[in-house]
């Protein structure tokens, strides 16, 4: 078996750090969305719009919401999204 190229370990470590930062960038607003939604669903909408790639007019997403990045998610107009109990 050939030895990995010099610096391969550092490269994969940098990738893992970038990936972790991107996850945190989605986890924080998702947590803010869920906490705000519990008190005021309308006040939570701008947080959701910031998190997602696109949020259609009158779309409604009920927590819990789990995303890896968020920016890749598009929700169309007048969509209601609620995960079934077995998916929570």
PDB file of N, CA and C in Angstrom:
ATOM      1  N   UNK A   1       0.843  -1.164   0.000  1.00  0.00           N
ATOM      2  CA  UNK A   1       0.000   0.000   0.000  1.00  0.00           C
ATOM      3  C   UNK A   1       0.896   1.236   0.000  1.00  0.00           C
ATOM      4  N   UNK A   2       0.560   2.204  -0.835  1.00  0.00           N
ATOM      5  CA  UNK A   2       1.365   3.417  -0.959  1.00  0.00           C
ATOM      6  C   UNK A   2       1.096   4.356   0.208  1.00  0.00           C
ATOM      7  N   UNK A   3       2.094   5.071   0.597  1.00  0.00           N
ATOM      8  CA  UNK A   3       1.957   6.065   1.669  1.00  0.00           C
ATOM      9  C   UNK A   3       1.175   7.263   1.143  1.00  0.00           C
ATOM     10  N   UNK A   4       0.381   7.905   2.001  1.00  0.00           N
ATOM     11  CA  UNK A   4      -0.352   9.095   1.555  1.00  0.00           C
ATOM     12  C   UNK A   4       0.626  10.208   1.190  1.00  0.00           C
ATOM     13  N   UNK A   5       0.229  11.090   0.293  1.00  0.00           N
ATOM     14  CA  UNK A   5       1.128  12.173  -0.097  1.00  0.00           C
ATOM     15  C   UNK A   5       1.402  13.103   1.087  1.00  0.00           C
ATOM     16  N   UNK A   6       2.561  13.759   1.075  1.00  0.00           N
ATOM     17  CA  UNK A   6       2.876  14.683   2.162  1.00  0.00           C
ATOM     18  C   UNK A   6       1.783  15.748   2.289  1.00  0.00           C
ATOM     19  N   UNK A   7       1.390  16.024   3.512  1.00  0.00           N
ATOM     20  CA  UNK A   7       0.379  17.056   3.761  1.00  0.00           C
ATOM     21  C   UNK A   7      -1.048  16.574   3.612  1.00  0.00           C
ATOM     22  N   UNK A   8      -1.261  15.309   3.263  1.00  0.00           N
ATOM     23  CA  UNK A   8      -2.624  14.807   3.068  1.00  0.00           C
ATOM     24  C   UNK A   8      -3.434  14.904   4.351  1.00  0.00           C
ATOM     25  N   UNK A   9      -2.821  14.591   5.458  1.00  0.00           N
ATOM     26  CA  UNK A   9      -3.532  14.658   6.738  1.00  0.00           C
ATOM     27  C   UNK A   9      -3.960  16.090   7.035  1.00  0.00           C
ATOM     28  N   UNK A  10      -3.072  17.049   6.802  1.00  0.00           N
ATOM     29  CA  UNK A  10      -3.410  18.457   7.055  1.00  0.00           C
ATOM     30  C   UNK A  10      -4.537  18.906   6.143  1.00  0.00           C
ATOM     31  N   UNK A  11      -4.521  18.449   4.898  1.00  0.00           N
ATOM     32  CA  UNK A  11      -5.557  18.826   3.950  1.00  0.00           C
ATOM     33  C   UNK A  11      -6.918  18.319   4.401  1.00  0.00           C
ATOM     34  N   UNK A  12      -6.999  17.069   4.830  1.00  0.00           N
ATOM     35  CA  UNK A  12      -8.279  16.526   5.281  1.00  0.00           C
ATOM     36  C   UNK A  12      -8.726  17.201   6.572  1.00  0.00           C
ATOM     37  N   UNK A  13      -7.769  17.600   7.406  1.00  0.00           N
ATOM     38  CA  UNK A  13      -8.105  18.316   8.638  1.00  0.00           C
ATOM     39  C   UNK A  13      -8.706  19.684   8.306  1.00  0.00           C
ATOM     40  N   UNK A  14      -8.130  20.381   7.328  1.00  0.00           N
ATOM     41  CA  UNK A  14      -8.674  21.688   6.915  1.00  0.00           C
ATOM     42  C   UNK A  14     -10.076  21.521   6.356  1.00  0.00           C
ATOM     43  N   UNK A  15     -10.287  20.472   5.566  1.00  0.00           N
ATOM     44  CA  UNK A  15     -11.627  20.207   5.031  1.00  0.00           C
ATOM     45  C   UNK A  15     -12.616  19.981   6.162  1.00  0.00           C
ATOM     46  N   UNK A  16     -12.236  19.195   7.150  1.00  0.00           N
ATOM     47  CA  UNK A  16     -13.121  18.912   8.279  1.00  0.00           C
ATOM     48  C   UNK A  16     -13.458  20.189   9.037  1.00  0.00           C
ATOM     49  N   UNK A  17     -12.487  21.077   9.203  1.00  0.00           N
ATOM     50  CA  UNK A  17     -12.751  22.351   9.892  1.00  0.00           C
ATOM     51  C   UNK A  17     -13.702  23.235   9.089  1.00  0.00           C
ATOM     52  N   UNK A  18     -13.494  23.304   7.766  1.00  0.00           N
ATOM     53  CA  UNK A  18     -14.410  24.097   6.930  1.00  0.00           C
ATOM     54  C   UNK A  18     -15.820  23.532   6.991  1.00  0.00           C
ATOM     55  N   UNK A  19     -15.928  22.216   6.935  1.00  0.00           N
ATOM     56  CA  UNK A  19     -17.233  21.558   7.000  1.00  0.00           C
ATOM     57  C   UNK A  19     -17.915  21.855   8.339  1.00  0.00           C
ATOM     58  N   UNK A  20     -17.178  21.782   9.427  1.00  0.00           N
ATOM     59  CA  UNK A  20     -17.738  22.058  10.754  1.00  0.00           C
ATOM     60  C   UNK A  20     -18.226  23.498  10.847  1.00  0.00           C
ATOM     61  N   UNK A  21     -17.466  24.442  10.276  1.00  0.00           N
ATOM     62  CA  UNK A  21     -17.898  25.851  10.297  1.00  0.00           C
ATOM     63  C   UNK A  21     -19.182  26.044   9.512  1.00  0.00           C
ATOM     64  N   UNK A  22     -19.290  25.398   8.354  1.00  0.00           N
ATOM     65  CA  UNK A  22     -20.518  25.522   7.547  1.00  0.00           C
ATOM     66  C   UNK A  22     -21.710  24.931   8.287  1.00  0.00           C
ATOM     67  N   UNK A  23     -21.513  23.834   8.970  1.00  0.00           N
ATOM     68  CA  UNK A  23     -22.599  23.250   9.754  1.00  0.00           C
ATOM     69  C   UNK A  23     -23.038  24.211  10.860  1.00  0.00           C
ATOM     70  N   UNK A  24     -22.084  24.809  11.541  1.00  0.00           N
ATOM     71  CA  UNK A  24     -22.418  25.756  12.606  1.00  0.00           C
ATOM     72  C   UNK A  24     -23.168  26.956  12.055  1.00  0.00           C
ATOM     73  N   UNK A  25     -22.831  27.390  10.847  1.00  0.00           N
ATOM     74  CA  UNK A  25     -23.521  28.519  10.241  1.00  0.00           C
ATOM     75  C   UNK A  25     -24.989  28.215   9.995  1.00  0.00           C
ATOM     76  N   UNK A  26     -25.359  26.970   9.854  1.00  0.00           N
ATOM     77  CA  UNK A  26     -26.761  26.586   9.688  1.00  0.00           C
ATOM     78  C   UNK A  26     -27.401  26.219  11.020  1.00  0.00           C
ATOM     79  N   UNK A  27     -26.657  25.602  11.905  1.00  0.00           N
ATOM     80  CA  UNK A  27     -27.220  25.155  13.177  1.00  0.00           C
ATOM     81  C   UNK A  27     -27.655  26.335  14.033  1.00  0.00           C
ATOM     82  N   UNK A  28     -26.851  27.395  14.069  1.00  0.00           N
ATOM     83  CA  UNK A  28     -27.194  28.554  14.905  1.00  0.00           C
ATOM     84  C   UNK A  28     -28.515  29.197  14.505  1.00  0.00           C
ATOM     85  N   UNK A  29     -28.715  29.574  13.219  1.00  0.00           N
ATOM     86  CA  UNK A  29     -30.010  30.162  12.873  1.00  0.00           C
ATOM     87  C   UNK A  29     -31.159  29.166  13.005  1.00  0.00           C
ATOM     88  N   UNK A  30     -30.902  27.882  12.772  1.00  0.00           N
ATOM     89  CA  UNK A  30     -31.966  26.886  12.950  1.00  0.00           C
ATOM     90  C   UNK A  30     -32.402  26.839  14.412  1.00  0.00           C
ATOM     91  N   UNK A  31     -31.454  26.905  15.331  1.00  0.00           N
ATOM     92  CA  UNK A  31     -31.781  26.918  16.758  1.00  0.00           C
ATOM     93  C   UNK A  31     -32.514  28.206  17.123  1.00  0.00           C
ATOM     94  N   UNK A  32     -32.061  29.356  16.563  1.00  0.00           N
ATOM     95  CA  UNK A  32     -32.762  30.628  16.814  1.00  0.00           C
ATOM     96  C   UNK A  32     -34.177  30.568  16.273  1.00  0.00           C
ATOM     97  N   UNK A  33     -34.338  29.978  15.087  1.00  0.00           N
ATOM     98  CA  UNK A  33     -35.675  29.855  14.485  1.00  0.00           C
ATOM     99  C   UNK A  33     -36.594  29.064  15.399  1.00  0.00           C
ATOM    100  N   UNK A  34     -36.138  27.923  15.861  1.00  0.00           N
ATOM    101  CA  UNK A  34     -36.979  27.070  16.704  1.00  0.00           C
ATOM    102  C   UNK A  34     -37.315  27.746  18.021  1.00  0.00           C
ATOM    103  N   UNK A  35     -36.363  28.437  18.625  1.00  0.00           N
ATOM    104  CA  UNK A  35     -36.625  29.128  19.898  1.00  0.00           C
ATOM    105  C   UNK A  35     -37.600  30.290  19.696  1.00  0.00           C
ATOM    106  N   UNK A  36     -37.421  31.041  18.617  1.00  0.00           N
ATOM    107  CA  UNK A  36     -38.303  32.182  18.345  1.00  0.00           C
ATOM    108  C   UNK A  36     -39.696  31.705  17.973  1.00  0.00           C
ATOM    109  N   UNK A  37     -39.776  30.637  17.187  1.00  0.00           N
ATOM    110  CA  UNK A  37     -41.065  30.100  16.750  1.00  0.00           C
ATOM    111  C   UNK A  37     -41.937  29.731  17.948  1.00  0.00           C
ATOM    112  N   UNK A  38     -41.321  29.236  19.002  1.00  0.00           N
ATOM    113  CA  UNK A  38     -42.077  28.836  20.198  1.00  0.00           C
ATOM    114  C   UNK A  38     -42.832  30.014  20.791  1.00  0.00           C
ATOM    115  N   UNK A  39     -42.290  31.227  20.639  1.00  0.00           N
ATOM    116  CA  UNK A  39     -42.943  32.418  21.186  1.00  0.00           C
ATOM    117  C   UNK A  39     -43.768  33.171  20.155  1.00  0.00           C
ATOM    118  N   UNK A  40     -43.287  33.235  18.907  1.00  0.00           N
ATOM    119  CA  UNK A  40     -43.943  34.065  17.892  1.00  0.00           C
ATOM    120  C   UNK A  40     -43.560  33.563  16.498  1.00  0.00           C
ATOM    121  N   UNK A  41     -44.467  32.825  15.858  1.00  0.00           N
ATOM    122  CA  UNK A  41     -44.182  32.227  14.547  1.00  0.00           C
ATOM    123  C   UNK A  41     -43.874  33.285  13.492  1.00  0.00           C
ATOM    124  N   UNK A  42     -44.556  34.427  13.535  1.00  0.00           N
ATOM    125  CA  UNK A  42     -44.305  35.476  12.542  1.00  0.00           C
ATOM    126  C   UNK A  42     -42.924  36.096  12.723  1.00  0.00           C
ATOM    127  N   UNK A  43     -42.487  36.267  13.949  1.00  0.00           N
ATOM    128  CA  UNK A  43     -41.160  36.830  14.220  1.00  0.00           C
ATOM    129  C   UNK A  43     -40.060  35.852  13.792  1.00  0.00           C
ATOM    130  N   UNK A  44     -40.379  34.566  13.731  1.00  0.00           N
ATOM    131  CA  UNK A  44     -39.399  33.552  13.348  1.00  0.00           C
ATOM    132  C   UNK A  44     -39.185  33.496  11.835  1.00  0.00           C
ATOM    133  N   UNK A  45     -40.129  33.974  11.062  1.00  0.00           N
ATOM    134  CA  UNK A  45     -40.052  33.872   9.599  1.00  0.00           C
ATOM    135  C   UNK A  45     -38.791  34.509   9.009  1.00  0.00           C
ATOM    136  N   UNK A  46     -38.395  35.732   9.410  1.00  0.00           N
ATOM    137  CA  UNK A  46     -37.158  36.304   8.841  1.00  0.00           C
ATOM    138  C   UNK A  46     -35.920  35.458   9.141  1.00  0.00           C
ATOM    139  N   UNK A  47     -35.890  34.795  10.271  1.00  0.00           N
ATOM    140  CA  UNK A  47     -34.762  33.919  10.606  1.00  0.00           C
ATOM    141  C   UNK A  47     -34.738  32.738   9.650  1.00  0.00           C
ATOM    142  N   UNK A  48     -35.909  32.180   9.375  1.00  0.00           N
ATOM    143  CA  UNK A  48     -36.016  31.065   8.442  1.00  0.00           C
ATOM    144  C   UNK A  48     -35.594  31.499   7.039  1.00  0.00           C
ATOM    145  N   UNK A  49     -36.025  32.689   6.626  1.00  0.00           N
ATOM    146  CA  UNK A  49     -35.667  33.202   5.300  1.00  0.00           C
ATOM    147  C   UNK A  49     -34.148  33.394   5.181  1.00  0.00           C
ATOM    148  N   UNK A  50     -33.511  33.812   6.269  1.00  0.00           N
ATOM    149  CA  UNK A  50     -32.057  33.978   6.285  1.00  0.00           C
ATOM    150  C   UNK A  50     -31.344  32.630   6.165  1.00  0.00           C
ATOM    151  N   UNK A  51     -31.910  31.618   6.783  1.00  0.00           N
ATOM    152  CA  UNK A  51     -31.303  30.286   6.813  1.00  0.00           C
ATOM    153  C   UNK A  51     -31.393  29.563   5.471  1.00  0.00           C
ATOM    154  N   UNK A  52     -32.538  29.671   4.807  1.00  0.00           N
ATOM    155  CA  UNK A  52     -32.794  28.891   3.597  1.00  0.00           C
ATOM    156  C   UNK A  52     -32.319  29.600   2.343  1.00  0.00           C
ATOM    157  N   UNK A  53     -32.187  28.822   1.282  1.00  0.00           N
ATOM    158  CA  UNK A  53     -31.843  29.390  -0.013  1.00  0.00           C
ATOM    159  C   UNK A  53     -32.977  30.233  -0.568  1.00  0.00           C
ATOM    160  N   UNK A  54     -34.221  29.787  -0.347  1.00  0.00           N
ATOM    161  CA  UNK A  54     -35.390  30.507  -0.830  1.00  0.00           C
ATOM    162  C   UNK A  54     -36.600  30.095   0.000  1.00  0.00           C
ATOM    163  N   UNK A  55     -37.404  31.066   0.378  1.00  0.00           N
ATOM    164  CA  UNK A  55     -38.621  30.807   1.154  1.00  0.00           C
ATOM    165  C   UNK A  55     -39.774  31.512   0.461  1.00  0.00           C
ATOM    166  N   UNK A  56     -40.710  30.731  -0.073  1.00  0.00           N
ATOM    167  CA  UNK A  56     -41.827  31.286  -0.816  1.00  0.00           C
ATOM    168  C   UNK A  56     -42.818  32.029   0.058  1.00  0.00           C
ATOM    169  N   UNK A  57     -43.607  32.865  -0.600  1.00  0.00           N
ATOM    170  CA  UNK A  57     -44.645  33.643   0.061  1.00  0.00           C
ATOM    171  C   UNK A  57     -45.649  32.711   0.736  1.00  0.00           C
ATOM    172  N   UNK A  58     -45.998  33.019   1.956  1.00  0.00           N
ATOM    173  CA  UNK A  58     -46.962  32.260   2.762  1.00  0.00           C
ATOM    174  C   UNK A  58     -46.526  30.822   3.048  1.00  0.00           C
ATOM    175  N   UNK A  59     -45.252  30.507   2.869  1.00  0.00           N
ATOM    176  CA  UNK A  59     -44.751  29.170   3.222  1.00  0.00           C
ATOM    177  C   UNK A  59     -44.634  29.094   4.739  1.00  0.00           C
ATOM    178  N   UNK A  60     -44.856  27.919   5.276  1.00  0.00           N
ATOM    179  CA  UNK A  60     -44.831  27.740   6.729  1.00  0.00           C
ATOM    180  C   UNK A  60     -44.081  26.444   7.054  1.00  0.00           C
ATOM    181  N   UNK A  61     -43.077  26.546   7.900  1.00  0.00           N
ATOM    182  CA  UNK A  61     -42.287  25.388   8.318  1.00  0.00           C
ATOM    183  C   UNK A  61     -42.397  25.283   9.823  1.00  0.00           C
ATOM    184  N   UNK A  62     -42.954  24.184  10.287  1.00  0.00           N
ATOM    185  CA  UNK A  62     -43.080  23.974  11.729  1.00  0.00           C
ATOM    186  C   UNK A  62     -41.841  23.264  12.257  1.00  0.00           C
ATOM    187  N   UNK A  63     -41.317  23.751  13.376  1.00  0.00           N
ATOM    188  CA  UNK A  63     -40.175  23.056  13.987  1.00  0.00           C
ATOM    189  C   UNK A  63     -40.568  21.659  14.442  1.00  0.00           C
ATOM    190  N   UNK A  64     -39.625  20.782  14.604  1.00  0.00           N
ATOM    191  CA  UNK A  64     -38.185  20.996  14.501  1.00  0.00           C
ATOM    192  C   UNK A  64     -37.726  21.019  13.046  1.00  0.00           C
ATOM    193  N   UNK A  65     -36.687  21.782  12.799  1.00  0.00           N
ATOM    194  CA  UNK A  65     -36.085  21.890  11.478  1.00  0.00           C
ATOM    195  C   UNK A  65     -34.612  21.539  11.611  1.00  0.00           C
ATOM    196  N   UNK A  66     -34.179  20.538  10.875  1.00  0.00           N
ATOM    197  CA  UNK A  66     -32.779  20.111  10.899  1.00  0.00           C
ATOM    198  C   UNK A  66     -32.197  20.279   9.503  1.00  0.00           C
ATOM    199  N   UNK A  67     -31.133  21.024   9.395  1.00  0.00           N
ATOM    200  CA  UNK A  67     -30.465  21.216   8.107  1.00  0.00           C
ATOM    201  C   UNK A  67     -28.960  21.109   8.307  1.00  0.00           C
ATOM    202  N   UNK A  68     -28.272  20.689   7.247  1.00  0.00           N
ATOM    203  CA  UNK A  68     -26.811  20.697   7.276  1.00  0.00           C
ATOM    204  C   UNK A  68     -26.289  22.070   6.896  1.00  0.00           C
ATOM    205  N   UNK A  69     -26.822  22.620   5.823  1.00  0.00           N
ATOM    206  CA  UNK A  69     -26.351  23.922   5.350  1.00  0.00           C
ATOM    207  C   UNK A  69     -27.485  24.935   5.266  1.00  0.00           C
ATOM    208  N   UNK A  70     -28.677  24.515   4.882  1.00  0.00           N
ATOM    209  CA  UNK A  70     -29.808  25.428   4.795  1.00  0.00           C
ATOM    210  C   UNK A  70     -29.873  26.170   3.479  1.00  0.00           C
ATOM    211  N   UNK A  71     -28.753  26.703   3.021  1.00  0.00           N
ATOM    212  CA  UNK A  71     -28.747  27.506   1.800  1.00  0.00           C
ATOM    213  C   UNK A  71     -29.095  26.685   0.565  1.00  0.00           C
ATOM    214  N   UNK A  72     -29.060  25.365   0.663  1.00  0.00           N
ATOM    215  CA  UNK A  72     -29.415  24.494  -0.458  1.00  0.00           C
ATOM    216  C   UNK A  72     -30.902  24.150  -0.467  1.00  0.00           C
ATOM    217  N   UNK A  73     -31.659  24.637   0.503  1.00  0.00           N
ATOM    218  CA  UNK A  73     -33.069  24.284   0.641  1.00  0.00           C
ATOM    219  C   UNK A  73     -33.941  25.399   0.066  1.00  0.00           C
ATOM    220  N   UNK A  74     -34.890  25.010  -0.785  1.00  0.00           N
ATOM    221  CA  UNK A  74     -35.856  25.941  -1.358  1.00  0.00           C
ATOM    222  C   UNK A  74     -37.254  25.461  -0.984  1.00  0.00           C
ATOM    223  N   UNK A  75     -38.066  26.359  -0.445  1.00  0.00           N
ATOM    224  CA  UNK A  75     -39.441  26.025  -0.075  1.00  0.00           C
ATOM    225  C   UNK A  75     -40.356  26.961  -0.852  1.00  0.00           C
ATOM    226  N   UNK A  76     -41.270  26.376  -1.609  1.00  0.00           N
ATOM    227  CA  UNK A  76     -42.148  27.141  -2.491  1.00  0.00           C
ATOM    228  C   UNK A  76     -43.268  27.853  -1.767  1.00  0.00           C
ATOM    229  N   UNK A  77     -43.943  28.724  -2.506  1.00  0.00           N
ATOM    230  CA  UNK A  77     -45.053  29.516  -1.973  1.00  0.00           C
ATOM    231  C   UNK A  77     -46.168  28.614  -1.455  1.00  0.00           C
ATOM    232  N   UNK A  78     -46.758  29.040  -0.358  1.00  0.00           N
ATOM    233  CA  UNK A  78     -47.906  28.375   0.282  1.00  0.00           C
ATOM    234  C   UNK A  78     -47.641  26.911   0.624  1.00  0.00           C
ATOM    235  N   UNK A  79     -46.404  26.595   0.963  1.00  0.00           N
ATOM    236  CA  UNK A  79     -46.034  25.245   1.381  1.00  0.00           C
ATOM    237  C   UNK A  79     -46.155  25.138   2.888  1.00  0.00           C
ATOM    238  N   UNK A  80     -46.706  24.042   3.362  1.00  0.00           N
ATOM    239  CA  UNK A  80     -46.730  23.732   4.790  1.00  0.00           C
ATOM    240  C   UNK A  80     -45.829  22.527   4.985  1.00  0.00           C
ATOM    241  N   UNK A  81     -44.824  22.677   5.825  1.00  0.00           N
ATOM    242  CA  UNK A  81     -43.872  21.588   6.059  1.00  0.00           C
ATOM    243  C   UNK A  81     -43.854  21.251   7.537  1.00  0.00           C
ATOM    244  N   UNK A  82     -44.197  20.012   7.809  1.00  0.00           N
ATOM    245  CA  UNK A  82     -44.139  19.500   9.173  1.00  0.00           C
ATOM    246  C   UNK A  82     -43.728  18.048   9.089  1.00  0.00           C
ATOM    247  N   UNK A  83     -42.647  17.712   9.792  1.00  0.00           N
ATOM    248  CA  UNK A  83     -42.204  16.325   9.794  1.00  0.00           C
ATOM    249  C   UNK A  83     -43.171  15.465  10.586  1.00  0.00           C
ATOM    250  N   UNK A  84     -43.454  14.264  10.100  1.00  0.00           N
ATOM    251  CA  UNK A  84     -44.310  13.364  10.875  1.00  0.00           C
ATOM    252  C   UNK A  84     -43.624  12.968  12.188  1.00  0.00           C
ATOM    253  N   UNK A  85     -44.388  12.614  13.208  1.00  0.00           N
ATOM    254  CA  UNK A  85     -43.805  12.281  14.516  1.00  0.00           C
ATOM    255  C   UNK A  85     -42.698  11.241  14.445  1.00  0.00           C
ATOM    256  N   UNK A  86     -42.791  10.246  13.583  1.00  0.00           N
ATOM    257  CA  UNK A  86     -41.755   9.205  13.532  1.00  0.00           C
ATOM    258  C   UNK A  86     -40.450   9.712  12.935  1.00  0.00           C
ATOM    259  N   UNK A  87     -40.435  10.890  12.317  1.00  0.00           N
ATOM    260  CA  UNK A  87     -39.211  11.444  11.732  1.00  0.00           C
ATOM    261  C   UNK A  87     -38.527  12.434  12.669  1.00  0.00           C
ATOM    262  N   UNK A  88     -39.120  12.740  13.793  1.00  0.00           N
ATOM    263  CA  UNK A  88     -38.564  13.741  14.709  1.00  0.00           C
ATOM    264  C   UNK A  88     -37.480  13.159  15.543  1.00  0.00           C
TER     265      UNK A  88
END
